[in-house]
Amino acid sequence: MDPALAARLKHDGAGLLTAVVQDASDLRVLMVGWMDDEALRRTLTTGRATYWSRSRGEYWRKGDTSGHVQFVRSVALDCDGDTLLVQVDQVGAACHRGTDTCFDGGDLDSVVLTEKERSL
């Protein structure tokens, strides 16, 4: 990995970066995954999204078992250096439950604040 890029990365205590995955065509957020330096290197060099599975303790390339492949269009680093935005061309479902996005569980109830409450 380019040393200048590596110097900008700020990993969590487990050596991971949050990867927010977005559909490159309609900009929907599809899922959130985790990458360490090796997963990021694999993603950048192969053009296929690779993540670190915290539950299984191993790398997984999206689509190798499900056929629901993510072809990477771009990867951007946020201003704090701790989150990646991965734009992909998604083939098939993005979520392990078989849905297009992991964010289809409905909106959480929101609290509407009055102007006075917002100023506190």
Protein backbone atom coordinates (compact mmCIF):
# COMPACT_ATOMS: atom_id res chain seq x y z
CA MET A 1 0.00 0.00 0.00
CA ASP A 2 1.18 3.51 -0.75
CA PRO A 3 2.91 4.78 2.43
CA ALA A 4 1.17 8.18 2.12
CA LEU A 5 -2.23 6.46 2.11
CA ALA A 6 -1.27 4.09 4.92
CA ALA A 7 -0.22 7.05 7.08
CA ARG A 8 -3.71 8.59 6.73
CA LEU A 9 -5.57 5.47 7.92
CA LYS A 10 -6.82 5.48 11.52
CA HIS A 11 -7.80 1.96 12.55
CA ASP A 12 -9.92 0.99 15.54
CA GLY A 13 -8.49 -1.09 18.38
CA ALA A 14 -8.88 -4.26 16.31
CA GLY A 15 -7.01 -2.77 13.34
CA LEU A 16 -10.17 -2.23 11.30
CA LEU A 17 -11.76 0.55 9.29
CA THR A 18 -15.50 0.93 8.78
CA ALA A 19 -16.47 0.46 5.13
CA VAL A 20 -19.78 2.05 4.11
CA VAL A 21 -20.85 0.44 0.84
CA GLN A 22 -22.90 2.48 -1.59
CA ASP A 23 -24.50 1.59 -4.91
CA ALA A 24 -22.60 3.58 -7.54
CA SER A 25 -25.66 4.07 -9.75
CA ASP A 26 -28.38 5.19 -7.32
CA LEU A 27 -26.26 6.07 -4.24
CA ARG A 28 -28.26 3.87 -1.83
CA VAL A 29 -26.29 2.65 1.15
CA LEU A 30 -26.19 -1.12 0.71
CA MET A 31 -24.29 -2.37 3.74
CA VAL A 32 -21.50 -1.73 6.21
CA GLY A 33 -18.45 -3.96 6.42
CA TRP A 34 -15.01 -3.94 7.98
CA MET A 35 -11.61 -3.77 6.30
CA ASP A 36 -8.10 -4.06 7.61
CA ASP A 37 -5.08 -3.10 5.50
CA GLU A 38 -5.02 -6.47 3.74
CA ALA A 39 -8.73 -6.39 2.87
CA LEU A 40 -8.29 -2.85 1.54
CA ARG A 41 -5.25 -3.92 -0.50
CA ARG A 42 -7.18 -6.85 -1.99
CA THR A 43 -10.13 -4.58 -2.78
CA LEU A 44 -7.96 -1.98 -4.49
CA THR A 45 -5.91 -4.49 -6.49
CA THR A 46 -8.66 -6.87 -7.62
CA GLY A 47 -11.62 -4.52 -8.08
CA ARG A 48 -13.79 -6.87 -5.99
CA ALA A 49 -14.89 -5.88 -2.48
CA THR A 50 -13.09 -7.86 0.23
CA TYR A 51 -13.91 -7.55 3.92
CA TRP A 52 -12.73 -8.86 7.27
CA SER A 53 -15.40 -10.94 9.00
CA ARG A 54 -15.32 -10.15 12.69
CA SER A 55 -17.56 -13.11 13.51
CA ARG A 56 -15.64 -15.69 11.46
CA GLY A 57 -12.18 -14.16 11.87
CA GLU A 58 -11.36 -14.43 8.17
CA TYR A 59 -11.40 -12.52 4.90
CA TRP A 60 -14.39 -12.80 2.62
CA ARG A 61 -14.76 -11.53 -0.88
CA LYS A 62 -18.35 -10.49 -1.45
CA GLY A 63 -20.05 -12.89 -3.79
CA ASP A 64 -17.66 -15.85 -3.68
CA THR A 65 -20.26 -18.10 -2.07
CA SER A 66 -23.52 -16.22 -2.75
CA GLY A 67 -22.84 -15.00 -6.28
CA HIS A 68 -23.86 -11.49 -5.13
CA VAL A 69 -20.71 -9.75 -6.30
CA GLN A 70 -19.58 -6.20 -5.64
CA PHE A 71 -17.47 -4.69 -8.42
CA VAL A 72 -15.68 -1.68 -6.95
CA ARG A 73 -15.95 1.62 -8.77
CA SER A 74 -14.21 3.82 -6.20
CA VAL A 75 -12.95 3.93 -2.63
CA ALA A 76 -12.77 7.22 -0.71
CA LEU A 77 -11.36 7.92 2.72
CA ASP A 78 -13.25 10.27 5.06
CA CYS A 79 -11.68 13.36 6.59
CA ASP A 80 -10.87 11.58 9.88
CA GLY A 81 -9.19 8.66 8.12
CA ASP A 82 -11.29 6.05 9.91
CA THR A 83 -14.10 5.32 7.43
CA LEU A 84 -14.10 4.23 3.82
CA LEU A 85 -16.84 4.93 1.29
CA VAL A 86 -16.85 2.07 -1.20
CA GLN A 87 -18.94 2.65 -4.31
CA VAL A 88 -19.84 -0.56 -6.09
CA ASP A 89 -21.78 -2.08 -8.94
CA GLN A 90 -23.83 -4.63 -6.98
CA VAL A 91 -24.84 -7.89 -8.65
CA GLY A 92 -27.68 -9.52 -6.72
CA ALA A 93 -28.57 -8.87 -3.11
CA ALA A 94 -26.17 -6.89 -0.93
CA CYS A 95 -27.51 -8.15 2.40
CA HIS A 96 -26.85 -11.64 3.75
CA ARG A 97 -30.63 -11.91 4.30
CA GLY A 98 -31.17 -11.76 0.54
CA THR A 99 -32.41 -8.17 0.32
CA ASP A 100 -31.06 -5.40 -1.90
CA THR A 101 -29.79 -3.42 1.07
CA CYS A 102 -29.16 -4.09 4.74
CA PHE A 103 -31.00 -0.84 5.51
CA ASP A 104 -34.53 -1.93 4.72
CA GLY A 105 -35.69 -2.55 8.29
CA GLY A 106 -37.73 0.64 8.39
CA ASP A 107 -37.02 3.98 9.93
CA LEU A 108 -36.56 4.32 13.64
CA ASP A 109 -39.10 6.48 15.39
CA SER A 110 -37.76 9.99 15.34
CA VAL A 111 -38.18 12.65 17.95
CA VAL A 112 -39.27 16.00 16.64
CA LEU A 113 -37.70 18.76 18.68
CA THR A 114 -39.16 22.19 19.07
CA GLU A 115 -37.00 25.18 18.16
CA LYS A 116 -36.44 25.87 21.86
CA GLU A 117 -35.32 22.28 22.52
CA ARG A 118 -32.86 22.40 19.59
CA SER A 119 -31.18 25.48 21.03
CA LEU A 120 -30.42 23.79 24.38
